[in-house]
PDB file of N, CA and C in Angstrom:
ATOM      1  N   MET A   1     -25.075 -11.968 106.268  1.00  0.00           N
ATOM      2  CA  MET A   1     -25.533 -10.921 105.415  1.00  0.00           C
ATOM      3  C   MET A   1     -24.471  -9.851 105.309  1.00  0.00           C
ATOM      4  N   PRO A   2     -24.085  -9.420 104.082  1.00  0.00           N
ATOM      5  CA  PRO A   2     -23.020  -8.460 103.924  1.00  0.00           C
ATOM      6  C   PRO A   2     -23.425  -7.076 104.455  1.00  0.00           C
ATOM      7  N   THR A   3     -22.478  -6.352 104.988  1.00  0.00           N
ATOM      8  CA  THR A   3     -22.733  -5.007 105.413  1.00  0.00           C
ATOM      9  C   THR A   3     -22.325  -4.043 104.370  1.00  0.00           C
ATOM     10  N   THR A   4     -23.038  -2.950 104.285  1.00  0.00           N
ATOM     11  CA  THR A   4     -22.740  -1.874 103.328  1.00  0.00           C
ATOM     12  C   THR A   4     -21.854  -0.868 104.079  1.00  0.00           C
ATOM     13  N   GLU A   5     -20.690  -0.611 103.496  1.00  0.00           N
ATOM     14  CA  GLU A   5     -19.764   0.344 104.085  1.00  0.00           C
ATOM     15  C   GLU A   5     -19.891   1.675 103.373  1.00  0.00           C
ATOM     16  N   ILE A   6     -20.009   2.721 104.148  1.00  0.00           N
ATOM     17  CA  ILE A   6     -20.090   4.083 103.615  1.00  0.00           C
ATOM     18  C   ILE A   6     -18.703   4.607 103.463  1.00  0.00           C
ATOM     19  N   THR A   7     -18.344   5.009 102.265  1.00  0.00           N
ATOM     20  CA  THR A   7     -16.984   5.544 102.051  1.00  0.00           C
ATOM     21  C   THR A   7     -17.070   7.037 101.902  1.00  0.00           C
ATOM     22  N   GLU A   8     -16.064   7.729 102.368  1.00  0.00           N
ATOM     23  CA  GLU A   8     -16.016   9.169 102.325  1.00  0.00           C
ATOM     24  C   GLU A   8     -15.817   9.741 100.950  1.00  0.00           C
ATOM     25  N   ASN A   9     -15.123   9.015 100.055  1.00  0.00           N
ATOM     26  CA  ASN A   9     -14.761   9.536  98.770  1.00  0.00           C
ATOM     27  C   ASN A   9     -15.821   9.276  97.668  1.00  0.00           C
ATOM     28  N   LYS A  10     -16.813   8.462  97.933  1.00  0.00           N
ATOM     29  CA  LYS A  10     -17.823   8.186  96.935  1.00  0.00           C
ATOM     30  C   LYS A  10     -19.087   8.963  97.268  1.00  0.00           C
ATOM     31  N   PRO A  11     -19.550   9.813  96.266  1.00  0.00           N
ATOM     32  CA  PRO A  11     -20.753  10.588  96.555  1.00  0.00           C
ATOM     33  C   PRO A  11     -21.991   9.726  96.758  1.00  0.00           C
ATOM     34  N   LEU A  12     -22.734  10.019  97.778  1.00  0.00           N
ATOM     35  CA  LEU A  12     -23.912   9.273  98.061  1.00  0.00           C
ATOM     36  C   LEU A  12     -25.192  10.048  97.643  1.00  0.00           C
ATOM     37  N   VAL A  13     -26.286   9.348  97.572  1.00  0.00           N
ATOM     38  CA  VAL A  13     -27.534   9.999  97.187  1.00  0.00           C
ATOM     39  C   VAL A  13     -27.885  11.095  98.172  1.00  0.00           C
ATOM     40  N   GLU A  14     -27.484  10.952  99.440  1.00  0.00           N
ATOM     41  CA  GLU A  14     -27.709  11.960 100.447  1.00  0.00           C
ATOM     42  C   GLU A  14     -26.982  13.262 100.100  1.00  0.00           C
ATOM     43  N   ASP A  15     -25.839  13.155  99.457  1.00  0.00           N
ATOM     44  CA  ASP A  15     -25.068  14.333  99.056  1.00  0.00           C
ATOM     45  C   ASP A  15     -25.855  15.176  98.083  1.00  0.00           C
ATOM     46  N   VAL A  16     -26.649  14.519  97.254  1.00  0.00           N
ATOM     47  CA  VAL A  16     -27.426  15.228  96.226  1.00  0.00           C
ATOM     48  C   VAL A  16     -28.796  15.673  96.813  1.00  0.00           C
ATOM     49  N   LEU A  17     -29.491  14.808  97.423  1.00  0.00           N
ATOM     50  CA  LEU A  17     -30.833  15.098  97.846  1.00  0.00           C
ATOM     51  C   LEU A  17     -30.956  15.540  99.330  1.00  0.00           C
ATOM     52  N   GLY A  18     -29.837  15.757  99.985  1.00  0.00           N
ATOM     53  CA  GLY A  18     -29.829  16.085 101.389  1.00  0.00           C
ATOM     54  C   GLY A  18     -30.115  17.564 101.682  1.00  0.00           C
ATOM     55  N   SER A  19     -30.313  18.328 100.664  1.00  0.00           N
ATOM     56  CA  SER A  19     -30.555  19.739 100.852  1.00  0.00           C
ATOM     57  C   SER A  19     -31.741  20.198 100.004  1.00  0.00           C
ATOM     58  N   ARG A  20     -32.669  20.921 100.628  1.00  0.00           N
ATOM     59  CA  ARG A  20     -33.844  21.397  99.899  1.00  0.00           C
ATOM     60  C   ARG A  20     -33.434  22.371  98.816  1.00  0.00           C
ATOM     61  N   ALA A  21     -32.443  23.208  99.112  1.00  0.00           N
ATOM     62  CA  ALA A  21     -31.951  24.185  98.126  1.00  0.00           C
ATOM     63  C   ALA A  21     -31.350  23.475  96.942  1.00  0.00           C
ATOM     64  N   ARG A  22     -30.614  22.383  97.190  1.00  0.00           N
ATOM     65  CA  ARG A  22     -29.982  21.657  96.068  1.00  0.00           C
ATOM     66  C   ARG A  22     -31.052  21.006  95.224  1.00  0.00           C
ATOM     67  N   VAL A  23     -32.076  20.503  95.838  1.00  0.00           N
ATOM     68  CA  VAL A  23     -33.181  19.836  95.075  1.00  0.00           C
ATOM     69  C   VAL A  23     -33.895  20.871  94.202  1.00  0.00           C
ATOM     70  N   LYS A  24     -34.069  22.079  94.757  1.00  0.00           N
ATOM     71  CA  LYS A  24     -34.720  23.152  93.961  1.00  0.00           C
ATOM     72  C   LYS A  24     -33.889  23.488  92.734  1.00  0.00           C
ATOM     73  N   ILE A  25     -32.590  23.555  92.906  1.00  0.00           N
ATOM     74  CA  ILE A  25     -31.665  23.839  91.780  1.00  0.00           C
ATOM     75  C   ILE A  25     -31.701  22.732  90.772  1.00  0.00           C
ATOM     76  N   ILE A  26     -31.675  21.496  91.237  1.00  0.00           N
ATOM     77  CA  ILE A  26     -31.723  20.351  90.312  1.00  0.00           C
ATOM     78  C   ILE A  26     -33.019  20.349  89.498  1.00  0.00           C
ATOM     79  N   LYS A  27     -34.133  20.595  90.153  1.00  0.00           N
ATOM     80  CA  LYS A  27     -35.412  20.622  89.467  1.00  0.00           C
ATOM     81  C   LYS A  27     -35.431  21.764  88.435  1.00  0.00           C
ATOM     82  N   ALA A  28     -35.003  22.918  88.808  1.00  0.00           N
ATOM     83  CA  ALA A  28     -35.056  24.062  87.916  1.00  0.00           C
ATOM     84  C   ALA A  28     -34.214  23.795  86.660  1.00  0.00           C
ATOM     85  N   LEU A  29     -33.015  23.213  86.863  1.00  0.00           N
ATOM     86  CA  LEU A  29     -32.155  22.967  85.706  1.00  0.00           C
ATOM     87  C   LEU A  29     -32.620  21.750  84.893  1.00  0.00           C
ATOM     88  N   ALA A  30     -33.092  20.747  85.572  1.00  0.00           N
ATOM     89  CA  ALA A  30     -33.548  19.522  84.861  1.00  0.00           C
ATOM     90  C   ALA A  30     -34.704  19.854  83.955  1.00  0.00           C
ATOM     91  N   PHE A  31     -35.617  20.680  84.407  1.00  0.00           N
ATOM     92  CA  PHE A  31     -36.805  20.993  83.610  1.00  0.00           C
ATOM     93  C   PHE A  31     -36.660  22.162  82.657  1.00  0.00           C
ATOM     94  N   ASN A  32     -35.554  22.904  82.805  1.00  0.00           N
ATOM     95  CA  ASN A  32     -35.291  24.034  81.936  1.00  0.00           C
ATOM     96  C   ASN A  32     -34.005  23.883  81.117  1.00  0.00           C
ATOM     97  N   GLU A  33     -33.201  22.888  81.408  1.00  0.00           N
ATOM     98  CA  GLU A  33     -31.969  22.506  80.780  1.00  0.00           C
ATOM     99  C   GLU A  33     -30.860  23.543  80.946  1.00  0.00           C
ATOM    100  N   GLU A  34     -31.076  24.786  80.632  1.00  0.00           N
ATOM    101  CA  GLU A  34     -30.053  25.823  80.842  1.00  0.00           C
ATOM    102  C   GLU A  34     -30.701  27.071  81.434  1.00  0.00           C
ATOM    103  N   LEU A  35     -30.013  27.675  82.387  1.00  0.00           N
ATOM    104  CA  LEU A  35     -30.504  28.933  83.000  1.00  0.00           C
ATOM    105  C   LEU A  35     -29.284  29.813  83.366  1.00  0.00           C
ATOM    106  N   THR A  36     -29.498  31.104  83.180  1.00  0.00           N
ATOM    107  CA  THR A  36     -28.482  32.040  83.712  1.00  0.00           C
ATOM    108  C   THR A  36     -28.582  31.984  85.225  1.00  0.00           C
ATOM    109  N   ILE A  37     -27.529  32.469  85.888  1.00  0.00           N
ATOM    110  CA  ILE A  37     -27.549  32.496  87.324  1.00  0.00           C
ATOM    111  C   ILE A  37     -28.723  33.337  87.824  1.00  0.00           C
ATOM    112  N   SER A  38     -29.001  34.447  87.170  1.00  0.00           N
ATOM    113  CA  SER A  38     -30.107  35.309  87.571  1.00  0.00           C
ATOM    114  C   SER A  38     -31.447  34.613  87.497  1.00  0.00           C
ATOM    115  N   LEU A  39     -31.682  33.899  86.397  1.00  0.00           N
ATOM    116  CA  LEU A  39     -32.971  33.184  86.274  1.00  0.00           C
ATOM    117  C   LEU A  39     -33.052  32.037  87.255  1.00  0.00           C
ATOM    118  N   LEU A  40     -31.966  31.381  87.501  1.00  0.00           N
ATOM    119  CA  LEU A  40     -31.914  30.250  88.460  1.00  0.00           C
ATOM    120  C   LEU A  40     -32.263  30.769  89.846  1.00  0.00           C
ATOM    121  N   ILE A  41     -31.675  31.876  90.212  1.00  0.00           N
ATOM    122  CA  ILE A  41     -31.945  32.475  91.569  1.00  0.00           C
ATOM    123  C   ILE A  41     -33.446  32.879  91.626  1.00  0.00           C
ATOM    124  N   SER A  42     -33.946  33.426  90.573  1.00  0.00           N
ATOM    125  CA  SER A  42     -35.307  33.864  90.544  1.00  0.00           C
ATOM    126  C   SER A  42     -36.309  32.676  90.671  1.00  0.00           C
ATOM    127  N   LYS A  43     -36.018  31.593  89.958  1.00  0.00           N
ATOM    128  CA  LYS A  43     -36.905  30.425  89.990  1.00  0.00           C
ATOM    129  C   LYS A  43     -36.834  29.692  91.322  1.00  0.00           C
ATOM    130  N   THR A  44     -35.628  29.682  91.950  1.00  0.00           N
ATOM    131  CA  THR A  44     -35.500  28.883  93.176  1.00  0.00           C
ATOM    132  C   THR A  44     -35.693  29.739  94.420  1.00  0.00           C
ATOM    133  N   ARG A  45     -35.661  31.034  94.260  1.00  0.00           N
ATOM    134  CA  ARG A  45     -35.783  31.976  95.375  1.00  0.00           C
ATOM    135  C   ARG A  45     -34.682  31.808  96.440  1.00  0.00           C
ATOM    136  N   LEU A  46     -33.507  31.491  95.935  1.00  0.00           N
ATOM    137  CA  LEU A  46     -32.337  31.384  96.769  1.00  0.00           C
ATOM    138  C   LEU A  46     -31.477  32.618  96.623  1.00  0.00           C
ATOM    139  N   ASN A  47     -30.688  32.938  97.615  1.00  0.00           N
ATOM    140  CA  ASN A  47     -29.769  34.068  97.435  1.00  0.00           C
ATOM    141  C   ASN A  47     -28.546  33.575  96.673  1.00  0.00           C
ATOM    142  N   TYR A  48     -27.799  34.526  96.164  1.00  0.00           N
ATOM    143  CA  TYR A  48     -26.631  34.249  95.306  1.00  0.00           C
ATOM    144  C   TYR A  48     -25.620  33.309  95.975  1.00  0.00           C
ATOM    145  N   VAL A  49     -25.261  33.682  97.209  1.00  0.00           N
ATOM    146  CA  VAL A  49     -24.204  32.902  97.906  1.00  0.00           C
ATOM    147  C   VAL A  49     -24.636  31.455  98.155  1.00  0.00           C
ATOM    148  N   ILE A  50     -25.843  31.244  98.610  1.00  0.00           N
ATOM    149  CA  ILE A  50     -26.334  29.858  98.805  1.00  0.00           C
ATOM    150  C   ILE A  50     -26.432  29.127  97.464  1.00  0.00           C
ATOM    151  N   ALA A  51     -26.927  29.756  96.463  1.00  0.00           N
ATOM    152  CA  ALA A  51     -27.067  29.124  95.125  1.00  0.00           C
ATOM    153  C   ALA A  51     -25.705  28.715  94.616  1.00  0.00           C
ATOM    154  N   MET A  52     -24.734  29.581  94.713  1.00  0.00           N
ATOM    155  CA  MET A  52     -23.379  29.264  94.248  1.00  0.00           C
ATOM    156  C   MET A  52     -22.766  28.094  94.985  1.00  0.00           C
ATOM    157  N   LYS A  53     -22.958  28.075  96.264  1.00  0.00           N
ATOM    158  CA  LYS A  53     -22.451  26.974  97.114  1.00  0.00           C
ATOM    159  C   LYS A  53     -22.997  25.616  96.611  1.00  0.00           C
ATOM    160  N   HIS A  54     -24.289  25.590  96.378  1.00  0.00           N
ATOM    161  CA  HIS A  54     -24.899  24.309  95.931  1.00  0.00           C
ATOM    162  C   HIS A  54     -24.589  24.031  94.446  1.00  0.00           C
ATOM    163  N   LEU A  55     -24.472  25.025  93.632  1.00  0.00           N
ATOM    164  CA  LEU A  55     -24.071  24.806  92.232  1.00  0.00           C
ATOM    165  C   LEU A  55     -22.657  24.212  92.138  1.00  0.00           C
ATOM    166  N   LYS A  56     -21.770  24.669  92.942  1.00  0.00           N
ATOM    167  CA  LYS A  56     -20.397  24.089  92.977  1.00  0.00           C
ATOM    168  C   LYS A  56     -20.454  22.643  93.376  1.00  0.00           C
ATOM    169  N   LYS A  57     -21.268  22.274  94.352  1.00  0.00           N
ATOM    170  CA  LYS A  57     -21.366  20.904  94.807  1.00  0.00           C
ATOM    171  C   LYS A  57     -21.965  20.052  93.667  1.00  0.00           C
ATOM    172  N   LEU A  58     -22.989  20.521  93.019  1.00  0.00           N
ATOM    173  CA  LEU A  58     -23.661  19.766  91.910  1.00  0.00           C
ATOM    174  C   LEU A  58     -22.698  19.620  90.717  1.00  0.00           C
ATOM    175  N   GLU A  59     -21.857  20.667  90.511  1.00  0.00           N
ATOM    176  CA  GLU A  59     -20.891  20.577  89.425  1.00  0.00           C
ATOM    177  C   GLU A  59     -19.825  19.552  89.760  1.00  0.00           C
ATOM    178  N   SER A  60     -19.411  19.477  91.003  1.00  0.00           N
ATOM    179  CA  SER A  60     -18.371  18.524  91.416  1.00  0.00           C
ATOM    180  C   SER A  60     -18.922  17.061  91.269  1.00  0.00           C
ATOM    181  N   LEU A  61     -20.243  16.904  91.330  1.00  0.00           N
ATOM    182  CA  LEU A  61     -20.887  15.618  91.168  1.00  0.00           C
ATOM    183  C   LEU A  61     -21.191  15.278  89.733  1.00  0.00           C
ATOM    184  N   ASN A  62     -20.831  16.241  88.825  1.00  0.00           N
ATOM    185  CA  ASN A  62     -21.048  16.120  87.367  1.00  0.00           C
ATOM    186  C   ASN A  62     -22.525  16.062  86.983  1.00  0.00           C
ATOM    187  N   LEU A  63     -23.379  16.670  87.804  1.00  0.00           N
ATOM    188  CA  LEU A  63     -24.796  16.742  87.455  1.00  0.00           C
ATOM    189  C   LEU A  63     -25.135  17.986  86.670  1.00  0.00           C
ATOM    190  N   ILE A  64     -24.284  18.999  86.768  1.00  0.00           N
ATOM    191  CA  ILE A  64     -24.453  20.271  86.030  1.00  0.00           C
ATOM    192  C   ILE A  64     -23.133  20.715  85.508  1.00  0.00           C
ATOM    193  N   SER A  65     -23.168  21.664  84.574  1.00  0.00           N
ATOM    194  CA  SER A  65     -21.934  22.302  84.128  1.00  0.00           C
ATOM    195  C   SER A  65     -22.217  23.801  84.000  1.00  0.00           C
ATOM    196  N   GLU A  66     -21.156  24.532  83.916  1.00  0.00           N
ATOM    197  CA  GLU A  66     -21.238  26.006  83.815  1.00  0.00           C
ATOM    198  C   GLU A  66     -20.493  26.456  82.590  1.00  0.00           C
ATOM    199  N   LYS A  67     -21.128  27.449  81.918  1.00  0.00           N
ATOM    200  CA  LYS A  67     -20.503  28.173  80.786  1.00  0.00           C
ATOM    201  C   LYS A  67     -20.456  29.634  81.166  1.00  0.00           C
ATOM    202  N   ARG A  68     -19.341  30.282  80.785  1.00  0.00           N
ATOM    203  CA  ARG A  68     -19.212  31.700  81.041  1.00  0.00           C
ATOM    204  C   ARG A  68     -18.991  32.453  79.773  1.00  0.00           C
ATOM    205  N   PHE A  69     -19.765  33.520  79.642  1.00  0.00           N
ATOM    206  CA  PHE A  69     -19.564  34.430  78.512  1.00  0.00           C
ATOM    207  C   PHE A  69     -19.373  35.804  79.119  1.00  0.00           C
ATOM    208  N   GLY A  70     -18.122  36.122  79.392  1.00  0.00           N
ATOM    209  CA  GLY A  70     -17.859  37.405  80.135  1.00  0.00           C
ATOM    210  C   GLY A  70     -18.384  37.268  81.523  1.00  0.00           C
ATOM    211  N   ARG A  71     -19.281  38.156  81.891  1.00  0.00           N
ATOM    212  CA  ARG A  71     -19.912  38.153  83.242  1.00  0.00           C
ATOM    213  C   ARG A  71     -21.131  37.256  83.297  1.00  0.00           C
ATOM    214  N   ILE A  72     -21.620  36.793  82.154  1.00  0.00           N
ATOM    215  CA  ILE A  72     -22.771  35.970  82.129  1.00  0.00           C
ATOM    216  C   ILE A  72     -22.435  34.522  82.441  1.00  0.00           C
ATOM    217  N   ARG A  73     -23.149  33.937  83.396  1.00  0.00           N
ATOM    218  CA  ARG A  73     -22.912  32.573  83.780  1.00  0.00           C
ATOM    219  C   ARG A  73     -24.179  31.751  83.432  1.00  0.00           C
ATOM    220  N   ILE A  74     -23.996  30.703  82.700  1.00  0.00           N
ATOM    221  CA  ILE A  74     -25.114  29.835  82.315  1.00  0.00           C
ATOM    222  C   ILE A  74     -24.844  28.468  82.892  1.00  0.00           C
ATOM    223  N   PHE A  75     -25.845  27.922  83.613  1.00  0.00           N
ATOM    224  CA  PHE A  75     -25.708  26.584  84.196  1.00  0.00           C
ATOM    225  C   PHE A  75     -26.601  25.648  83.378  1.00  0.00           C
ATOM    226  N   ARG A  76     -26.062  24.472  83.157  1.00  0.00           N
ATOM    227  CA  ARG A  76     -26.740  23.476  82.300  1.00  0.00           C
ATOM    228  C   ARG A  76     -26.808  22.167  82.996  1.00  0.00           C
ATOM    229  N   TYR A  77     -27.942  21.459  82.900  1.00  0.00           N
ATOM    230  CA  TYR A  77     -28.139  20.124  83.448  1.00  0.00           C
ATOM    231  C   TYR A  77     -27.407  19.129  82.523  1.00  0.00           C
ATOM    232  N   ASN A  78     -26.602  18.294  83.090  1.00  0.00           N
ATOM    233  CA  ASN A  78     -25.847  17.287  82.315  1.00  0.00           C
ATOM    234  C   ASN A  78     -26.674  16.054  82.034  1.00  0.00           C
ATOM    235  N   ILE A  79     -27.556  16.165  81.043  1.00  0.00           N
ATOM    236  CA  ILE A  79     -28.465  15.068  80.687  1.00  0.00           C
ATOM    237  C   ILE A  79     -27.669  13.896  80.186  1.00  0.00           C
ATOM    238  N   GLU A  80     -26.429  14.094  79.689  1.00  0.00           N
ATOM    239  CA  GLU A  80     -25.602  12.987  79.212  1.00  0.00           C
ATOM    240  C   GLU A  80     -25.174  12.079  80.362  1.00  0.00           C
ATOM    241  N   ASN A  81     -25.174  12.552  81.558  1.00  0.00           N
ATOM    242  CA  ASN A  81     -24.776  11.792  82.754  1.00  0.00           C
ATOM    243  C   ASN A  81     -25.896  10.860  83.124  1.00  0.00           C
ATOM    244  N   LEU A  82     -25.600   9.570  83.286  1.00  0.00           N
ATOM    245  CA  LEU A  82     -26.633   8.551  83.562  1.00  0.00           C
ATOM    246  C   LEU A  82     -27.339   8.899  84.901  1.00  0.00           C
ATOM    247  N   LYS A  83     -26.617   9.309  85.908  1.00  0.00           N
ATOM    248  CA  LYS A  83     -27.221   9.626  87.198  1.00  0.00           C
ATOM    249  C   LYS A  83     -28.153  10.835  87.046  1.00  0.00           C
ATOM    250  N   ALA A  84     -27.708  11.846  86.292  1.00  0.00           N
ATOM    251  CA  ALA A  84     -28.561  13.034  86.047  1.00  0.00           C
ATOM    252  C   ALA A  84     -29.800  12.679  85.303  1.00  0.00           C
ATOM    253  N   ARG A  85     -29.670  11.847  84.242  1.00  0.00           N
ATOM    254  CA  ARG A  85     -30.836  11.405  83.512  1.00  0.00           C
ATOM    255  C   ARG A  85     -31.797  10.637  84.379  1.00  0.00           C
ATOM    256  N   SER A  86     -31.283   9.749  85.218  1.00  0.00           N
ATOM    257  CA  SER A  86     -32.104   8.951  86.096  1.00  0.00           C
ATOM    258  C   SER A  86     -32.821   9.845  87.130  1.00  0.00           C
ATOM    259  N   LEU A  87     -32.103  10.801  87.639  1.00  0.00           N
ATOM    260  CA  LEU A  87     -32.703  11.753  88.626  1.00  0.00           C
ATOM    261  C   LEU A  87     -33.823  12.530  87.984  1.00  0.00           C
ATOM    262  N   LYS A  88     -33.608  12.987  86.766  1.00  0.00           N
ATOM    263  CA  LYS A  88     -34.643  13.762  86.049  1.00  0.00           C
ATOM    264  C   LYS A  88     -35.876  12.882  85.803  1.00  0.00           C
ATOM    265  N   LYS A  89     -35.658  11.654  85.427  1.00  0.00           N
ATOM    266  CA  LYS A  89     -36.792  10.720  85.224  1.00  0.00           C
ATOM    267  C   LYS A  89     -37.547  10.505  86.487  1.00  0.00           C
ATOM    268  N   PHE A  90     -36.824  10.316  87.598  1.00  0.00           N
ATOM    269  CA  PHE A  90     -37.457  10.146  88.930  1.00  0.00           C
ATOM    270  C   PHE A  90     -38.355  11.373  89.241  1.00  0.00           C
ATOM    271  N   MET A  91     -37.799  12.580  89.004  1.00  0.00           N
ATOM    272  CA  MET A  91     -38.540  13.827  89.296  1.00  0.00           C
ATOM    273  C   MET A  91     -39.778  13.933  88.412  1.00  0.00           C
ATOM    274  N   GLU A  92     -39.644  13.555  87.147  1.00  0.00           N
ATOM    275  CA  GLU A  92     -40.804  13.582  86.232  1.00  0.00           C
ATOM    276  C   GLU A  92     -41.897  12.661  86.714  1.00  0.00           C
ATOM    277  N   ILE A  93     -41.567  11.456  87.101  1.00  0.00           N
ATOM    278  CA  ILE A  93     -42.496  10.483  87.617  1.00  0.00           C
ATOM    279  C   ILE A  93     -43.123  11.024  88.899  1.00  0.00           C
ATOM    280  N   TRP A  94     -42.308  11.530  89.816  1.00  0.00           N
ATOM    281  CA  TRP A  94     -42.762  12.038  91.119  1.00  0.00           C
ATOM    282  C   TRP A  94     -43.726  13.193  90.917  1.00  0.00           C
ATOM    283  N   GLU A  95     -43.350  14.136  90.097  1.00  0.00           N
ATOM    284  CA  GLU A  95     -44.151  15.382  89.917  1.00  0.00           C
ATOM    285  C   GLU A  95     -45.405  15.150  89.097  1.00  0.00           C
ATOM    286  N   ASN A  96     -45.384  14.244  88.121  1.00  0.00           N
ATOM    287  CA  ASN A  96     -46.482  14.028  87.227  1.00  0.00           C
ATOM    288  C   ASN A  96     -47.314  12.772  87.586  1.00  0.00           C
ATOM    289  N   GLY A  97     -46.841  11.969  88.452  1.00  0.00           N
ATOM    290  CA  GLY A  97     -47.527  10.689  88.747  1.00  0.00           C
ATOM    291  C   GLY A  97     -48.387  10.759  89.900  1.00  0.00           C
TER     292      GLY A  97
END
Protein backbone atom coordinates (compact mmCIF):
# COMPACT_ATOMS: atom_id res chain seq x y z
CA MET A 1 0.00 0.00 0.00
CA PRO A 2 1.48 3.39 -0.97
CA THR A 3 2.26 5.87 1.75
CA THR A 4 1.21 9.48 1.56
CA GLU A 5 4.08 11.87 2.07
CA ILE A 6 3.43 15.26 3.59
CA THR A 7 5.41 17.96 1.87
CA GLU A 8 6.24 21.28 3.45
CA ASN A 9 5.70 23.37 0.31
CA LYS A 10 2.22 22.14 -0.59
CA PRO A 11 -0.65 23.71 1.40
CA LEU A 12 -2.73 21.12 3.19
CA VAL A 13 -6.36 21.25 4.23
CA GLU A 14 -5.10 21.57 7.82
CA ASP A 15 -3.50 24.88 6.81
CA VAL A 16 -6.93 26.23 5.93
CA LEU A 17 -9.21 24.61 8.48
CA GLY A 18 -6.73 24.29 11.34
CA SER A 19 -7.76 27.57 12.94
CA ARG A 20 -11.18 28.56 14.24
CA ALA A 21 -10.41 32.21 13.43
CA ARG A 22 -9.50 31.32 9.85
CA VAL A 23 -12.72 29.35 9.42
CA LYS A 24 -14.74 32.32 10.72
CA ILE A 25 -13.06 34.57 8.15
CA ILE A 26 -13.63 32.08 5.34
CA LYS A 27 -17.31 31.74 6.23
CA ALA A 28 -17.84 35.48 6.49
CA LEU A 29 -16.24 36.14 3.12
CA ALA A 30 -17.73 33.12 1.34
CA PHE A 31 -21.26 34.10 2.30
CA ASN A 32 -20.79 37.86 1.85
CA GLU A 33 -18.31 37.80 -1.07
CA GLU A 34 -16.73 41.16 -0.18
CA LEU A 35 -16.24 42.89 3.16
CA THR A 36 -14.24 45.82 4.42
CA ILE A 37 -11.78 44.99 7.16
CA SER A 38 -14.06 46.75 9.68
CA LEU A 39 -17.11 44.69 8.72
CA LEU A 40 -15.08 41.50 8.67
CA ILE A 41 -13.77 42.16 12.18
CA SER A 42 -17.29 42.97 13.34
CA LYS A 43 -18.77 39.78 11.86
CA THR A 44 -16.00 37.47 13.11
CA ARG A 45 -15.41 39.21 16.46
CA LEU A 46 -11.66 38.98 15.93
CA ASN A 47 -9.21 41.71 16.73
CA TYR A 48 -7.40 43.50 13.92
CA VAL A 49 -3.98 41.88 14.43
CA ILE A 50 -5.36 38.32 14.50
CA ALA A 51 -7.65 38.97 11.54
CA MET A 52 -4.80 40.39 9.45
CA LYS A 53 -2.55 37.43 10.27
CA HIS A 54 -5.17 34.98 9.02
CA LEU A 55 -6.14 37.12 6.03
CA LYS A 56 -2.52 37.10 4.86
CA LYS A 57 -2.42 33.31 5.14
CA LEU A 58 -5.69 32.93 3.21
CA GLU A 59 -4.44 35.35 0.56
CA SER A 60 -1.23 33.32 0.18
CA LEU A 61 -3.42 30.25 -0.43
CA ASN A 62 -5.35 32.23 -3.12
CA LEU A 63 -8.66 31.79 -1.31
CA ILE A 64 -9.16 35.53 -0.89
CA SER A 65 -7.88 38.76 -2.41
CA GLU A 66 -7.53 42.30 -1.14
CA LYS A 67 -8.34 45.60 -2.79
CA ARG A 68 -7.23 48.94 -1.39
CA PHE A 69 -8.84 52.29 -1.96
CA GLY A 70 -6.67 54.66 0.04
CA ARG A 71 -7.09 53.55 3.65
CA ILE A 72 -10.09 51.35 2.86
CA ARG A 73 -9.29 47.65 2.61
CA ILE A 74 -11.79 45.31 1.01
CA PHE A 75 -11.36 41.55 1.14
CA ARG A 76 -13.01 39.35 -1.44
CA TYR A 77 -13.59 35.59 -1.57
CA ASN A 78 -11.96 34.12 -4.70
CA ILE A 79 -14.93 32.16 -6.02
CA GLU A 80 -13.01 31.66 -9.30
CA ASN A 81 -10.59 29.38 -7.41
CA LEU A 82 -11.73 25.72 -7.54
CA LYS A 83 -10.65 25.06 -3.96
CA ALA A 84 -12.47 28.18 -2.72
CA ARG A 85 -15.63 27.21 -4.66
CA SER A 86 -15.47 23.68 -3.25
CA LEU A 87 -14.94 24.96 0.27
CA LYS A 88 -17.92 27.29 -0.05
CA LYS A 89 -20.10 24.43 -1.32
CA PHE A 90 -18.99 22.27 1.60
CA MET A 91 -19.91 25.04 4.06
CA GLU A 92 -23.31 25.55 2.40
CA ILE A 93 -24.06 21.82 2.69
CA TRP A 94 -22.79 21.67 6.27
CA GLU A 95 -24.66 24.78 7.46
CA ASN A 96 -27.93 24.08 5.61
CA GLY A 97 -28.00 20.29 5.61
